[in-house]
Amino acid sequence: MSYYKHESAIVDEGAEIGEGSRVWHFVHVCSGAKIGKGVSLGQNVFVGNKVVIGDNCKVQNNVSVYDNVYLEEGVFCGPSMVFTNVYNPRSLIERKDQYLDTHVKKGATLGANCTIVCGVTIGEYSFVGAGAVVNRDVPAYALMLGVPAKQRGWMSEFGEQLDLPVSGEGEAVCEHTGVRYILNGNQLTKLVAGS
């Protein structure tokens, strides 16, 4: 085995878990799950069958990653945050054929106790604050806060808020990395070195 599994964890036969990943206490990984390298699954995490978790993701304690949730590389899922996969669930009505895909792009942060309503795309390096409820797509680098979540600013790839308005024109530099970002309307772009 090329990953660590605590003795209390259950990893069903057929699940794929990458090298250097860590599966902690009371985790359950279903047989169809595909988990990348260097992933940390905290205590009491559940991972469904139709789930892909990219390399270097951190899924903190008490998170259930249900079917049709796809996490790209480097996603952070804070403690007790929630994914859904059916928009209008009922116990008495079977809706497994109505699961909606949720895509969380590279480097995004989903804060503690936030809820991601199914069928949305969370953009690269966006930041969803603790307790927020996301029910629509989130732009790359956006800072989302509140219930329902509204965009309140922009975040650098380093995870610091940039001094920019939510929309308009502007430029900001991450004070930790020196990386420059350009705001054009409702879209933030990272400038590549030399451009």
Protein backbone atom coordinates (compact mmCIF):
# COMPACT_ATOMS: atom_id res chain seq x y z
CA MET A 1 0.00 0.00 0.00
CA SER A 2 1.51 3.35 -1.06
CA TYR A 3 -0.70 5.45 1.23
CA TYR A 4 -1.46 5.56 4.96
CA LYS A 5 -4.76 4.13 6.22
CA HIS A 6 -5.78 4.25 9.87
CA GLU A 7 -7.00 0.89 11.18
CA SER A 8 -10.52 2.30 11.76
CA ALA A 9 -10.89 3.50 8.14
CA ILE A 10 -12.79 1.50 5.52
CA VAL A 11 -11.53 1.56 1.93
CA ASP A 12 -13.77 -0.56 -0.30
CA GLU A 13 -12.13 -2.85 -2.84
CA GLY A 14 -11.68 -1.07 -6.16
CA ALA A 15 -11.11 2.41 -4.75
CA GLU A 16 -8.04 4.13 -6.19
CA ILE A 17 -5.89 6.10 -3.73
CA GLY A 18 -2.66 7.79 -4.81
CA GLU A 19 0.79 7.57 -3.32
CA GLY A 20 1.42 9.46 -0.11
CA SER A 21 -2.25 10.06 0.68
CA ARG A 22 -3.49 9.81 4.27
CA VAL A 23 -6.82 8.23 5.25
CA TRP A 24 -7.53 9.03 8.90
CA HIS A 25 -9.89 7.73 11.62
CA PHE A 26 -13.38 6.47 10.67
CA VAL A 27 -13.10 7.43 6.97
CA HIS A 28 -15.15 5.46 4.42
CA VAL A 29 -14.01 5.46 0.78
CA CYS A 30 -16.41 3.72 -1.64
CA SER A 31 -15.20 1.33 -4.34
CA GLY A 32 -15.60 3.67 -7.33
CA ALA A 33 -13.72 6.65 -5.83
CA LYS A 34 -10.57 7.97 -7.50
CA ILE A 35 -8.27 9.83 -5.12
CA GLY A 36 -4.99 11.42 -6.19
CA LYS A 37 -1.53 11.63 -4.64
CA GLY A 38 -0.78 13.46 -1.41
CA VAL A 39 -4.46 13.78 -0.39
CA SER A 40 -5.48 14.07 3.26
CA LEU A 41 -8.90 12.70 4.27
CA GLY A 42 -9.60 13.84 7.84
CA GLN A 43 -11.52 12.03 10.54
CA ASN A 44 -15.05 10.89 9.66
CA VAL A 45 -14.85 11.75 5.93
CA PHE A 46 -17.09 9.89 3.47
CA VAL A 47 -16.15 9.60 -0.23
CA GLY A 48 -18.80 8.29 -2.65
CA ASN A 49 -18.44 6.03 -5.69
CA LYS A 50 -18.65 8.63 -8.45
CA VAL A 51 -16.11 11.03 -6.97
CA VAL A 52 -12.73 12.26 -8.20
CA ILE A 53 -10.37 14.00 -5.77
CA GLY A 54 -7.25 15.48 -7.37
CA ASP A 55 -3.69 15.50 -6.07
CA ASN A 56 -2.83 17.41 -2.89
CA CYS A 57 -6.40 18.07 -1.76
CA LYS A 58 -7.19 18.44 1.94
CA VAL A 59 -10.62 17.23 3.05
CA GLN A 60 -10.98 18.15 6.72
CA ASN A 61 -12.98 16.35 9.43
CA ASN A 62 -16.68 15.50 8.98
CA VAL A 63 -16.99 16.18 5.24
CA SER A 64 -19.04 13.95 2.92
CA VAL A 65 -17.96 14.07 -0.73
CA TYR A 66 -21.02 12.62 -2.43
CA ASP A 67 -21.42 11.17 -5.94
CA ASN A 68 -20.95 13.62 -8.82
CA VAL A 69 -18.53 15.87 -6.91
CA TYR A 70 -15.21 16.47 -8.66
CA LEU A 71 -12.30 18.19 -6.91
CA GLU A 72 -9.32 19.31 -8.97
CA GLU A 73 -5.77 19.59 -7.64
CA GLY A 74 -5.13 21.43 -4.38
CA VAL A 75 -8.72 21.97 -3.21
CA PHE A 76 -9.22 22.67 0.51
CA CYS A 77 -12.50 21.49 2.08
CA GLY A 78 -12.85 22.99 5.57
CA PRO A 79 -14.23 21.12 8.58
CA SER A 80 -17.89 20.10 8.34
CA MET A 81 -18.50 21.81 5.00
CA VAL A 82 -21.32 20.28 2.94
CA PHE A 83 -21.77 19.10 -0.63
CA THR A 84 -25.17 18.11 -2.03
CA ASN A 85 -25.94 16.15 -5.20
CA VAL A 86 -29.74 16.41 -5.59
CA TYR A 87 -31.39 19.81 -5.87
CA ASN A 88 -34.78 18.81 -4.43
CA PRO A 89 -34.36 15.65 -2.31
CA ARG A 90 -37.23 13.66 -0.82
CA SER A 91 -36.88 10.46 1.20
CA LEU A 92 -39.96 8.95 -0.47
CA ILE A 93 -38.92 9.72 -4.05
CA GLU A 94 -35.93 8.06 -5.76
CA ARG A 95 -33.79 10.73 -7.48
CA LYS A 96 -30.44 9.01 -8.06
CA ASP A 97 -30.88 9.65 -11.79
CA GLN A 98 -31.09 13.40 -11.07
CA TYR A 99 -27.68 13.91 -9.45
CA LEU A 100 -26.10 17.17 -10.60
CA ASP A 101 -22.35 17.54 -11.13
CA THR A 102 -20.38 19.88 -8.89
CA HIS A 103 -16.91 20.92 -10.08
CA VAL A 104 -14.39 22.55 -7.75
CA LYS A 105 -11.45 23.91 -9.73
CA LYS A 106 -7.75 23.92 -8.88
CA GLY A 107 -6.68 25.61 -5.65
CA ALA A 108 -10.16 26.62 -4.43
CA THR A 109 -10.88 26.93 -0.70
CA LEU A 110 -14.24 25.92 0.79
CA GLY A 111 -14.41 27.28 4.33
CA ALA A 112 -15.63 25.51 7.45
CA ASN A 113 -19.38 24.82 7.55
CA CYS A 114 -20.06 26.27 4.10
CA THR A 115 -22.63 24.56 1.86
CA ILE A 116 -22.18 23.99 -1.87
CA VAL A 117 -25.55 23.40 -3.55
CA CYS A 118 -25.15 20.88 -6.38
CA GLY A 119 -24.80 21.77 -10.05
CA VAL A 120 -22.29 24.61 -9.67
CA THR A 121 -18.70 25.22 -10.68
CA ILE A 122 -16.36 26.78 -8.14
CA GLY A 123 -13.61 28.65 -10.02
CA GLU A 124 -9.84 28.28 -9.67
CA TYR A 125 -8.35 29.73 -6.48
CA SER A 126 -11.71 31.12 -5.38
CA PHE A 127 -12.39 31.37 -1.65
CA VAL A 128 -15.74 30.50 -0.06
CA GLY A 129 -15.91 31.86 3.49
CA ALA A 130 -16.95 29.89 6.56
CA GLY A 131 -20.71 29.31 6.75
CA ALA A 132 -21.47 30.64 3.25
CA VAL A 133 -24.13 28.98 1.07
CA VAL A 134 -23.15 28.81 -2.60
CA ASN A 135 -26.04 28.26 -5.04
CA ARG A 136 -24.50 29.57 -8.28
CA ASP A 137 -21.21 29.41 -10.17
CA VAL A 138 -18.24 31.15 -8.57
CA PRO A 139 -15.67 33.01 -10.73
CA ALA A 140 -11.96 32.21 -10.50
CA TYR A 141 -10.27 34.09 -7.60
CA ALA A 142 -13.62 35.34 -6.20
CA LEU A 143 -14.16 35.82 -2.47
CA MET A 144 -17.68 34.61 -1.59
CA LEU A 145 -19.35 35.35 1.76
CA GLY A 146 -22.82 35.11 3.28
CA VAL A 147 -26.18 33.37 2.87
CA PRO A 148 -26.75 33.19 0.01
CA ALA A 149 -23.10 33.75 -0.91
CA LYS A 150 -22.28 37.00 -2.67
CA GLN A 151 -18.98 38.08 -4.10
CA ARG A 152 -17.20 40.48 -1.73
CA GLY A 153 -13.81 40.76 -3.42
CA TRP A 154 -10.90 38.86 -4.96
CA MET A 155 -8.23 36.53 -3.57
CA SER A 156 -4.67 35.84 -4.69
CA GLU A 157 -3.43 32.30 -5.30
CA PHE A 158 -1.52 32.71 -2.01
CA GLY A 159 -4.88 33.11 -0.21
CA GLU A 160 -4.81 36.83 0.61
CA GLN A 161 -7.52 39.34 -0.26
CA LEU A 162 -6.52 41.73 -3.05
CA ASP A 163 -7.26 45.45 -2.86
CA LEU A 164 -9.68 45.55 -5.79
CA PRO A 165 -13.39 46.33 -6.26
CA VAL A 166 -15.75 43.45 -7.07
CA SER A 167 -16.08 44.76 -10.65
CA GLY A 168 -14.48 47.42 -12.79
CA GLU A 169 -10.87 48.00 -13.75
CA GLY A 170 -7.76 47.71 -11.66
CA GLU A 171 -4.50 46.05 -10.82
CA ALA A 172 -3.22 44.54 -7.58
CA VAL A 173 -0.05 42.84 -6.40
CA CYS A 174 0.03 40.01 -3.85
CA GLU A 175 2.25 41.35 -1.08
CA HIS A 176 3.55 37.85 -0.26
CA THR A 177 4.50 36.66 -3.74
CA GLY A 178 4.77 39.80 -5.89
CA VAL A 179 2.38 38.28 -8.43
CA ARG A 180 0.29 40.85 -10.33
CA TYR A 181 -3.44 40.50 -11.04
CA ILE A 182 -5.53 42.54 -13.49
CA LEU A 183 -9.26 43.15 -13.07
CA ASN A 184 -11.22 43.69 -16.27
CA GLY A 185 -14.97 44.00 -15.66
CA ASN A 186 -15.99 40.90 -13.68
CA GLN A 187 -12.88 38.83 -14.46
CA LEU A 188 -9.56 38.68 -12.62
CA THR A 189 -6.47 37.47 -14.48
CA LYS A 190 -3.11 36.52 -13.06
CA LEU A 191 -0.25 38.03 -15.05
CA VAL A 192 2.40 35.53 -16.05
CA ALA A 193 5.98 36.60 -15.36
CA GLY A 194 7.40 38.58 -18.27
CA SER A 195 4.02 39.76 -19.60
